[in-house]
Protein backbone atom coordinates (compact mmCIF):
# COMPACT_ATOMS: atom_id res chain seq x y z
CA MET A 1 -15.65 -11.03 -27.23
CA SER A 2 -12.79 -11.47 -24.76
CA LEU A 3 -9.29 -12.84 -24.36
CA GLY A 4 -8.74 -15.65 -21.88
CA LEU A 5 -5.52 -16.99 -20.34
CA VAL A 6 -5.18 -20.70 -19.56
CA LEU A 7 -2.31 -21.85 -17.32
CA SER A 8 -1.80 -25.56 -16.75
CA GLY A 9 1.05 -26.73 -14.57
CA GLY A 10 2.92 -29.32 -12.64
CA GLY A 11 4.93 -28.30 -9.62
CA ALA A 12 8.18 -26.48 -10.33
CA ARG A 13 7.52 -26.66 -14.09
CA ALA A 14 5.25 -23.61 -13.71
CA ALA A 15 8.37 -21.40 -13.65
CA TYR A 16 8.31 -21.82 -17.45
CA GLN A 17 5.01 -19.95 -17.55
CA ALA A 18 6.58 -17.02 -15.69
CA GLY A 19 9.03 -16.65 -18.58
CA VAL A 20 6.30 -16.74 -21.23
CA LEU A 21 4.21 -14.25 -19.26
CA ALA A 22 7.25 -11.97 -18.92
CA ALA A 23 7.52 -11.95 -22.73
CA ILE A 24 3.79 -11.21 -23.05
CA GLY A 25 4.05 -8.43 -20.47
CA GLU A 26 7.00 -6.94 -22.36
CA LEU A 27 4.98 -7.00 -25.59
CA CYS A 28 2.01 -5.38 -23.84
CA GLN A 29 4.32 -2.62 -22.65
CA GLU A 30 5.53 -2.06 -26.22
CA MET A 31 1.91 -1.88 -27.42
CA GLN A 32 0.82 0.23 -24.42
CA ILE A 33 -1.80 -2.32 -23.31
CA ASP A 34 -1.89 -2.65 -19.56
CA ASN A 35 -4.59 -5.27 -18.88
CA PRO A 36 -5.31 -7.39 -21.97
CA ILE A 37 -6.75 -10.49 -20.26
CA SER A 38 -10.44 -10.70 -19.36
CA TYR A 39 -10.53 -14.23 -17.93
CA TYR A 40 -7.77 -15.96 -15.97
CA THR A 41 -7.94 -19.71 -15.41
CA GLY A 42 -5.32 -21.90 -13.79
CA LEU A 43 -4.89 -25.47 -12.66
CA SER A 44 -2.16 -27.18 -10.70
CA ALA A 45 0.82 -24.85 -10.25
CA GLY A 46 -0.65 -22.70 -13.02
CA ALA A 47 -3.26 -21.70 -10.44
CA ILE A 48 -0.45 -20.17 -8.37
CA ASN A 49 0.59 -17.99 -11.31
CA ALA A 50 -2.99 -16.98 -12.15
CA ALA A 51 -3.79 -16.09 -8.53
CA PHE A 52 -0.56 -14.13 -8.18
CA ILE A 53 -1.35 -11.95 -11.21
CA CYS A 54 -4.99 -11.45 -10.23
CA SER A 55 -4.07 -10.43 -6.68
CA SER A 56 -1.48 -7.90 -7.85
CA PRO A 57 -1.53 -4.83 -5.56
CA GLU A 58 -0.69 -2.59 -8.54
CA GLY A 59 -3.70 -3.80 -10.54
CA SER A 60 -1.47 -4.08 -13.60
CA PHE A 61 -0.81 -7.14 -15.75
CA ILE A 62 2.53 -5.72 -16.94
CA GLN A 63 3.83 -5.13 -13.42
CA ALA A 64 2.39 -8.44 -12.18
CA THR A 65 4.35 -10.40 -14.82
CA LYS A 66 7.57 -8.67 -13.74
CA ASN A 67 6.84 -9.51 -10.11
CA LEU A 68 6.03 -13.12 -11.01
CA GLU A 69 9.32 -13.53 -12.85
CA HIS A 70 11.17 -12.19 -9.81
CA LEU A 71 9.25 -14.52 -7.50
CA TRP A 72 10.12 -17.67 -9.47
CA SER A 73 13.73 -16.53 -9.98
CA ASN A 74 14.27 -16.68 -6.23
CA VAL A 75 12.14 -19.66 -5.22
CA GLN A 76 13.66 -22.23 -2.83
CA THR A 77 12.55 -25.67 -1.73
CA GLU A 78 11.99 -24.64 1.90
CA GLN A 79 9.35 -22.17 0.69
CA VAL A 80 7.29 -25.01 -0.81
CA TYR A 81 7.70 -28.18 1.25
CA ILE A 82 9.57 -29.53 4.26
CA SER A 83 12.52 -31.69 3.21
CA ASP A 84 14.72 -32.11 6.28
CA VAL A 85 15.91 -35.56 7.34
CA VAL A 86 13.84 -35.74 10.54
CA SER A 87 10.50 -34.82 8.91
CA LEU A 88 10.91 -37.13 5.92
CA SER A 89 12.17 -39.99 8.09
CA MET A 90 9.23 -39.64 10.46
CA GLY A 91 6.86 -39.56 7.50
CA GLY A 92 8.42 -42.71 6.04
CA LEU A 93 8.22 -44.50 9.37
CA GLN A 94 4.58 -43.44 9.73
CA TRP A 95 3.77 -44.91 6.32
CA MET A 96 5.51 -48.18 7.22
CA PHE A 97 3.55 -48.27 10.48
CA ASP A 98 0.25 -47.57 8.70
CA LEU A 99 0.88 -50.28 6.10
CA SER A 100 1.90 -52.92 8.62
CA LEU A 101 -0.44 -52.14 11.54
CA GLY A 102 -3.10 -49.98 9.92
CA GLY A 103 -5.74 -52.66 10.37
CA LEU A 104 -5.05 -52.92 14.09
CA VAL A 105 -4.63 -49.28 15.06
CA LYS A 106 -7.34 -46.66 14.59
CA LYS A 107 -5.60 -43.50 13.50
CA SER A 108 -5.42 -41.22 10.49
CA PRO A 109 -2.85 -42.51 7.98
CA HIS A 110 -0.06 -40.30 6.70
CA ARG A 111 -1.57 -38.43 3.75
CA SER A 112 1.45 -37.61 1.59
CA LEU A 113 5.19 -37.92 1.19
CA LEU A 114 5.80 -34.20 1.71
CA ASP A 115 4.39 -31.50 3.99
CA THR A 116 3.42 -28.34 2.07
CA ALA A 117 2.73 -26.11 5.07
CA PRO A 118 5.48 -23.72 3.85
CA LEU A 119 3.68 -23.29 0.52
CA LYS A 120 0.54 -22.03 2.23
CA SER A 121 2.58 -19.48 4.17
CA PHE A 122 4.37 -18.54 0.94
CA LEU A 123 1.06 -17.95 -0.86
CA GLU A 124 -0.40 -15.90 1.96
CA LYS A 125 2.76 -13.80 2.09
CA HIS A 126 2.96 -13.03 -1.63
CA CYS A 127 -0.72 -13.03 -2.64
CA ASP A 128 -3.16 -10.62 -1.01
CA PHE A 129 -6.32 -12.44 -2.05
CA SER A 130 -8.50 -9.47 -1.04
CA ASN A 131 -7.03 -7.66 -4.06
CA ILE A 132 -8.83 -10.04 -6.44
CA ASP A 133 -12.19 -8.36 -5.75
CA LYS A 134 -10.60 -4.92 -5.95
CA ASN A 135 -8.96 -5.66 -9.29
CA ILE A 136 -12.15 -7.08 -10.76
CA SER A 137 -14.05 -3.97 -9.64
CA ALA A 138 -11.34 -1.76 -11.14
CA GLY A 139 -11.70 -3.53 -14.50
CA MET A 140 -8.30 -5.23 -14.52
CA PHE A 141 -10.09 -8.47 -15.50
CA GLN A 142 -13.53 -10.04 -15.25
CA ALA A 143 -13.05 -13.41 -13.57
CA LEU A 144 -10.55 -15.84 -12.05
CA GLY A 145 -11.08 -19.60 -12.14
CA VAL A 146 -8.98 -22.08 -10.15
CA THR A 147 -9.48 -25.78 -10.91
CA ALA A 148 -9.01 -28.73 -8.54
CA MET A 149 -10.12 -32.38 -8.41
CA ASP A 150 -12.71 -33.47 -5.84
CA TYR A 151 -11.42 -36.71 -4.28
CA HIS A 152 -14.93 -37.76 -3.22
CA SER A 153 -16.76 -37.40 -6.54
CA SER A 154 -13.64 -37.50 -8.79
CA ALA A 155 -15.13 -34.48 -10.57
CA THR A 156 -13.12 -31.51 -11.79
CA VAL A 157 -14.28 -28.39 -9.96
CA THR A 158 -13.48 -24.83 -11.05
CA PHE A 159 -13.77 -22.32 -8.22
CA LEU A 160 -14.92 -19.09 -9.81
CA GLN A 161 -14.63 -15.52 -8.57
CA SER A 162 -16.26 -12.78 -10.64
CA HIS A 163 -18.49 -9.72 -10.39
CA ASN A 164 -20.47 -9.71 -13.59
CA GLY A 165 -23.07 -12.35 -12.87
CA ILE A 166 -21.32 -15.22 -14.65
CA SER A 167 -23.30 -18.37 -13.99
CA PRO A 168 -21.48 -21.52 -12.86
CA TRP A 169 -21.61 -24.36 -15.38
CA ARG A 170 -22.03 -28.11 -15.14
CA ARG A 171 -20.71 -30.70 -17.59
CA VAL A 172 -19.93 -34.42 -17.31
CA ARG A 173 -17.44 -34.71 -14.41
CA ARG A 174 -16.81 -30.95 -14.67
CA ARG A 175 -18.51 -28.10 -12.90
CA ALA A 176 -17.95 -24.61 -11.57
CA GLU A 177 -18.72 -23.18 -8.15
CA SER A 178 -18.77 -19.54 -7.11
CA ALA A 179 -16.16 -18.82 -4.43
CA LYS A 180 -13.91 -16.25 -2.87
CA ILE A 181 -10.52 -17.58 -3.94
CA THR A 182 -8.13 -18.13 -1.03
CA ALA A 183 -4.73 -19.70 -0.51
CA ASP A 184 -6.48 -23.01 0.23
CA HIS A 185 -8.12 -23.09 -3.23
CA VAL A 186 -4.76 -22.55 -4.89
CA LEU A 187 -3.05 -25.05 -2.59
CA ALA A 188 -5.73 -27.64 -3.46
CA SER A 189 -5.27 -27.08 -7.19
CA ALA A 190 -1.51 -27.67 -6.85
CA ALA A 191 -1.69 -30.71 -4.52
CA ILE A 192 0.16 -33.36 -6.58
CA PRO A 193 -1.23 -36.81 -5.60
CA ILE A 194 0.89 -38.81 -3.13
CA LEU A 195 3.62 -36.15 -3.10
CA PHE A 196 1.52 -33.31 -1.63
CA PRO A 197 -1.40 -33.73 0.81
CA PRO A 198 -5.06 -33.26 -0.18
CA VAL A 199 -6.54 -29.93 0.90
CA ALA A 200 -9.84 -29.55 2.74
CA LEU A 201 -12.33 -26.99 1.44
CA ASP A 202 -15.41 -26.97 3.65
CA THR A 203 -16.22 -30.69 4.05
CA ARG A 204 -14.53 -31.94 0.87
CA TYR A 205 -10.94 -32.80 0.02
CA PHE A 206 -9.30 -31.73 -3.22
CA GLY A 207 -6.17 -32.55 -5.17
CA ASP A 208 -4.24 -31.40 -8.21
CA GLY A 209 -6.35 -29.87 -10.99
CA CYS A 210 -4.44 -31.73 -13.71
CA VAL A 211 -5.78 -35.11 -12.57
CA ARG A 212 -8.38 -36.42 -15.05
CA ASN A 213 -8.67 -32.98 -16.61
CA GLN A 214 -9.17 -33.55 -20.33
CA SER A 215 -10.34 -30.00 -21.05
CA PRO A 216 -8.10 -27.40 -19.39
CA CYS A 217 -9.31 -24.73 -21.84
CA GLY A 218 -12.97 -25.39 -20.96
CA PRO A 219 -13.33 -22.94 -18.03
CA ALA A 220 -12.01 -19.98 -20.03
CA ILE A 221 -14.37 -20.81 -22.90
CA TYR A 222 -17.38 -21.26 -20.59
CA LEU A 223 -16.59 -17.87 -19.05
CA GLY A 224 -16.94 -16.25 -22.46
CA SER A 225 -13.51 -16.19 -24.11
CA ASP A 226 -13.48 -16.29 -27.89
CA ARG A 227 -9.69 -15.95 -28.01
CA LEU A 228 -7.23 -17.87 -25.84
CA ILE A 229 -3.59 -17.80 -24.85
CA ALA A 230 -2.85 -21.25 -23.44
CA ILE A 231 0.52 -21.89 -21.79
CA GLY A 232 1.40 -25.52 -21.13
CA VAL A 233 4.39 -27.16 -19.44
CA ARG A 234 4.96 -30.12 -21.76
CA LYS A 235 6.73 -30.14 -25.09
CA LYS A 236 4.46 -30.15 -28.13
CA GLN A 237 3.74 -33.47 -29.80
CA ASP A 238 5.02 -35.34 -26.77
CA MET A 239 2.70 -38.23 -27.64
CA CYS A 240 4.69 -40.77 -25.67
CA TYR A 241 7.07 -40.64 -22.76
CA ALA A 242 10.42 -42.29 -23.44
CA ALA A 243 13.49 -42.36 -21.24
CA PRO A 244 16.74 -41.92 -23.18
CA GLU A 245 19.55 -44.42 -22.96
CA VAL A 246 17.37 -47.28 -21.74
CA ARG A 247 17.42 -50.57 -23.66
CA PRO A 248 13.97 -52.12 -24.20
CA SER A 249 15.32 -55.42 -22.90
CA ASP A 250 16.10 -53.89 -19.47
CA PRO A 251 13.26 -54.25 -16.93
CA PRO A 252 11.98 -50.86 -15.75
CA SER A 253 13.06 -49.67 -12.33
CA VAL A 254 10.52 -48.63 -9.71
CA GLY A 255 11.55 -45.04 -10.43
CA ARG A 256 10.89 -45.49 -14.13
CA ILE A 257 7.43 -46.93 -13.41
CA ALA A 258 6.69 -44.09 -10.97
CA ASN A 259 7.81 -41.62 -13.64
CA VAL A 260 5.40 -43.06 -16.21
CA LEU A 261 2.54 -43.16 -13.70
CA LEU A 262 3.09 -39.55 -12.68
CA ASN A 263 3.28 -38.56 -16.34
CA ALA A 264 -0.07 -40.26 -16.94
CA VAL A 265 -1.82 -38.94 -13.83
CA MET A 266 -0.54 -35.40 -14.34
CA MET A 267 -1.12 -35.50 -18.08
CA ASP A 268 -1.32 -32.02 -19.59
CA GLY A 269 -4.53 -32.20 -21.64
CA MET A 270 -3.72 -28.93 -23.39
CA GLU A 271 -2.55 -30.60 -26.61
CA ILE A 272 -5.76 -32.62 -26.91
CA ASP A 273 -7.89 -29.57 -26.10
CA ILE A 274 -6.18 -27.35 -28.67
CA GLU A 275 -6.50 -30.05 -31.32
CA ARG A 276 -10.21 -30.31 -30.51
CA LEU A 277 -10.67 -26.55 -30.87
CA GLN A 278 -8.88 -26.54 -34.21
CA ARG A 279 -11.11 -29.33 -35.51
CA ILE A 280 -14.27 -27.49 -34.39
CA ASN A 281 -13.04 -24.28 -36.04
CA GLU A 282 -12.41 -26.12 -39.32
CA ASN A 283 -15.89 -27.65 -39.29
CA LEU A 284 -17.54 -24.32 -38.46
CA ALA A 285 -15.73 -22.69 -41.36
CA LYS A 286 -17.17 -25.31 -43.70
CA LEU A 287 -20.71 -24.67 -42.48
CA GLY A 288 -20.58 -20.96 -43.28
CA ASP A 289 -22.36 -17.99 -41.69
CA ILE A 290 -25.92 -19.16 -42.38
CA LYS A 291 -25.92 -22.19 -40.08
CA ALA A 292 -23.52 -20.82 -37.45
CA PRO A 293 -26.15 -18.91 -35.38
CA HIS A 294 -28.05 -22.17 -34.80
CA LEU A 295 -25.10 -24.03 -33.31
CA THR A 296 -24.14 -24.40 -29.64
CA VAL A 297 -20.41 -24.03 -30.38
CA ARG A 298 -18.45 -21.03 -31.62
CA PRO A 299 -15.03 -20.58 -33.19
CA ILE A 300 -12.19 -20.04 -30.71
CA ASP A 301 -8.93 -18.43 -31.81
CA ALA A 302 -6.39 -20.20 -29.61
CA LEU A 303 -2.64 -19.70 -29.34
CA TRP A 304 -0.83 -22.52 -27.56
CA ILE A 305 2.67 -21.88 -26.22
CA SER A 306 4.58 -24.83 -24.77
CA PRO A 307 8.23 -25.70 -24.06
CA SER A 308 10.48 -26.12 -27.07
CA ARG A 309 12.62 -28.43 -24.93
CA GLU A 310 11.68 -31.30 -22.62
CA LEU A 311 11.59 -29.93 -19.07
CA SER A 312 12.39 -33.29 -17.48
CA GLU A 313 15.70 -33.29 -19.37
CA LEU A 314 16.53 -29.88 -17.91
CA ALA A 315 15.57 -31.22 -14.47
CA SER A 316 17.86 -34.24 -14.81
CA LYS A 317 20.81 -31.88 -15.41
CA LYS A 318 19.90 -29.93 -12.26
CA SER A 319 19.07 -32.96 -10.09
CA THR A 320 22.04 -32.29 -7.81
CA GLU A 321 20.16 -29.19 -6.63
CA LEU A 322 17.39 -31.32 -5.11
CA PRO A 323 17.39 -31.40 -1.29
CA PRO A 324 19.78 -34.16 -0.14
CA MET A 325 17.06 -36.25 1.48
CA ILE A 326 14.81 -36.05 -1.61
CA ARG A 327 17.73 -37.01 -3.82
CA TYR A 328 18.53 -39.93 -1.52
CA LEU A 329 14.92 -41.20 -1.62
CA LEU A 330 14.66 -40.86 -5.39
CA LYS A 331 17.92 -42.74 -5.93
CA GLY A 332 16.37 -45.59 -3.98
CA LEU A 333 13.81 -45.92 -6.79
CA GLY A 334 16.33 -46.00 -9.62
CA SER A 335 18.74 -43.66 -11.36
CA LEU A 336 18.10 -39.90 -11.31
CA GLN A 337 17.50 -40.20 -15.06
CA ASP A 338 14.71 -42.71 -14.34
CA VAL A 339 13.00 -40.23 -11.99
CA SER A 340 13.57 -37.10 -14.09
CA GLU A 341 9.81 -36.54 -14.38
CA ILE A 342 9.39 -36.52 -10.59
CA SER A 343 12.44 -34.27 -10.27
CA SER A 344 10.95 -31.75 -12.69
CA PHE A 345 7.94 -31.40 -10.35
CA LEU A 346 9.91 -31.15 -7.10
CA LEU A 347 12.94 -29.10 -8.14
CA PHE A 348 12.01 -25.77 -6.59
CA ASP A 349 15.47 -24.29 -7.00
CA SER A 350 16.38 -20.89 -8.38
CA SER A 351 18.92 -22.26 -10.90
CA TYR A 352 16.31 -24.63 -12.39
CA SER A 353 13.59 -21.97 -12.26
CA LYS A 354 15.80 -19.44 -14.03
CA ALA A 355 16.53 -21.98 -16.78
CA LEU A 356 12.79 -22.53 -17.26
CA ILE A 357 12.10 -18.78 -17.19
CA GLU A 358 14.73 -18.20 -19.88
CA LEU A 359 13.22 -20.96 -22.03
CA GLY A 360 9.70 -19.60 -21.50
CA TYR A 361 10.79 -16.06 -22.37
CA GLU A 362 12.48 -17.31 -25.55
CA ASP A 363 9.39 -19.31 -26.58
CA GLY A 364 7.15 -16.33 -25.80
CA ARG A 365 9.27 -14.01 -27.94
CA ASN A 366 9.20 -16.56 -30.77
CA ALA A 367 5.40 -16.35 -30.67
CA LYS A 368 5.50 -12.54 -30.73
CA GLU A 369 3.63 -12.01 -34.00
CA ALA A 370 0.80 -14.40 -33.10
CA LEU A 371 0.56 -12.75 -29.67
CA ARG A 372 0.53 -9.30 -31.24
CA LYS A 373 -2.43 -10.26 -33.42
CA LEU A 374 -4.43 -11.52 -30.44
CA LEU A 375 -3.62 -8.41 -28.43
CA GLU A 376 -4.51 -6.09 -31.33
CA ASP A 377 -7.86 -7.87 -31.66
CA GLU A 378 -8.44 -7.38 -27.93
CA VAL A 379 -7.70 -3.64 -28.14
CA ARG A 380 -10.01 -3.34 -31.14
CA GLN A 381 -12.86 -5.06 -29.32
CA LYS A 382 -12.46 -2.92 -26.21
CA LEU A 383 -12.54 0.24 -28.31
CA LEU A 384 -15.75 -0.94 -29.98
CA GLN A 385 -17.30 -1.67 -26.60
CA LYS A 386 -16.51 1.86 -25.41
CA GLN A 387 -18.16 3.53 -28.42
CA PRO A 388 -21.70 4.80 -27.68
CA SER A 389 -24.47 3.01 -29.54
CA THR A 390 -26.23 5.00 -32.25
CA GLN A 391 -29.97 5.08 -32.82
CA ASN A 392 -31.55 5.30 -36.28
């Protein structure tokens, strides 16, 4: 019986998770629990946060959450992608050339709008991936799973690093593979389609783990979690995506259409997954204890924490902090309000990140009692596991 952490994501929105995790770390410090999580799973930018914690040199969840908050509080665009005029102009010209003469010239087309070479350097600088093995061996946690989408098979793949003989799983369009997690795995999981380039792992290319992922909680459950803390990056009950101050009679701008498409492609399936778990739990409760041992499902106690405010609205207020060339290109698609969704993914700026961290910390503190219950259950289970078995 173990506690799992599920981190979804979407570019710069993942700063929100740093705030929630800071609140959880603070609560763990109050309760004197240093490493409460057994299974870490992350997808998209959530994979960055999961890998950062699991590669902590201190081997401490509490200290890792403090370090993560500091990291996001100081993030800058140039640490994530190249946004200068020359690079973006050359990329745009290359795309125009590929579209107009691609059938006549044999060459590799431009793969994305932005170059994320700085992000790989950033990950390698701040995450010592060799510490993952050390921390697993030291008992800080049992496994780390990083999820990405295979562009060839369109399957969701969870790269799994563990020590305790956990077997990889296979489901419809979902599977796990044993791996030594590296910066490339994390970079692949966070590679937003079109915006960021696909990442090669061996002979396959991968993209953002949010794409087509309808079960973000699945990997943590397959690993063995019976309790979950799931941190999303979309406001609860955000069943539709509506732009404010737009009359239905007005035709949508290209930016508005791109916003809706990105919202659909990068859909956070957390809400659907949590609803599914709640429905299974209700049905299991009706069956009672007699039939439960014969079933292939088990009850999962899941706590879902998500933004109490719409992050794209916060991004629209901070849009002036976007790199000038990015802001110029986005304005060509429509108003900055129309492209607020795209802005919320690309706005790697400390002022925006700090606003998300503050919101995440507030939402985490508001969930304090539910978190306390999960953490108390985890402590109780670990104490039971340490007690020697008695023989009659």
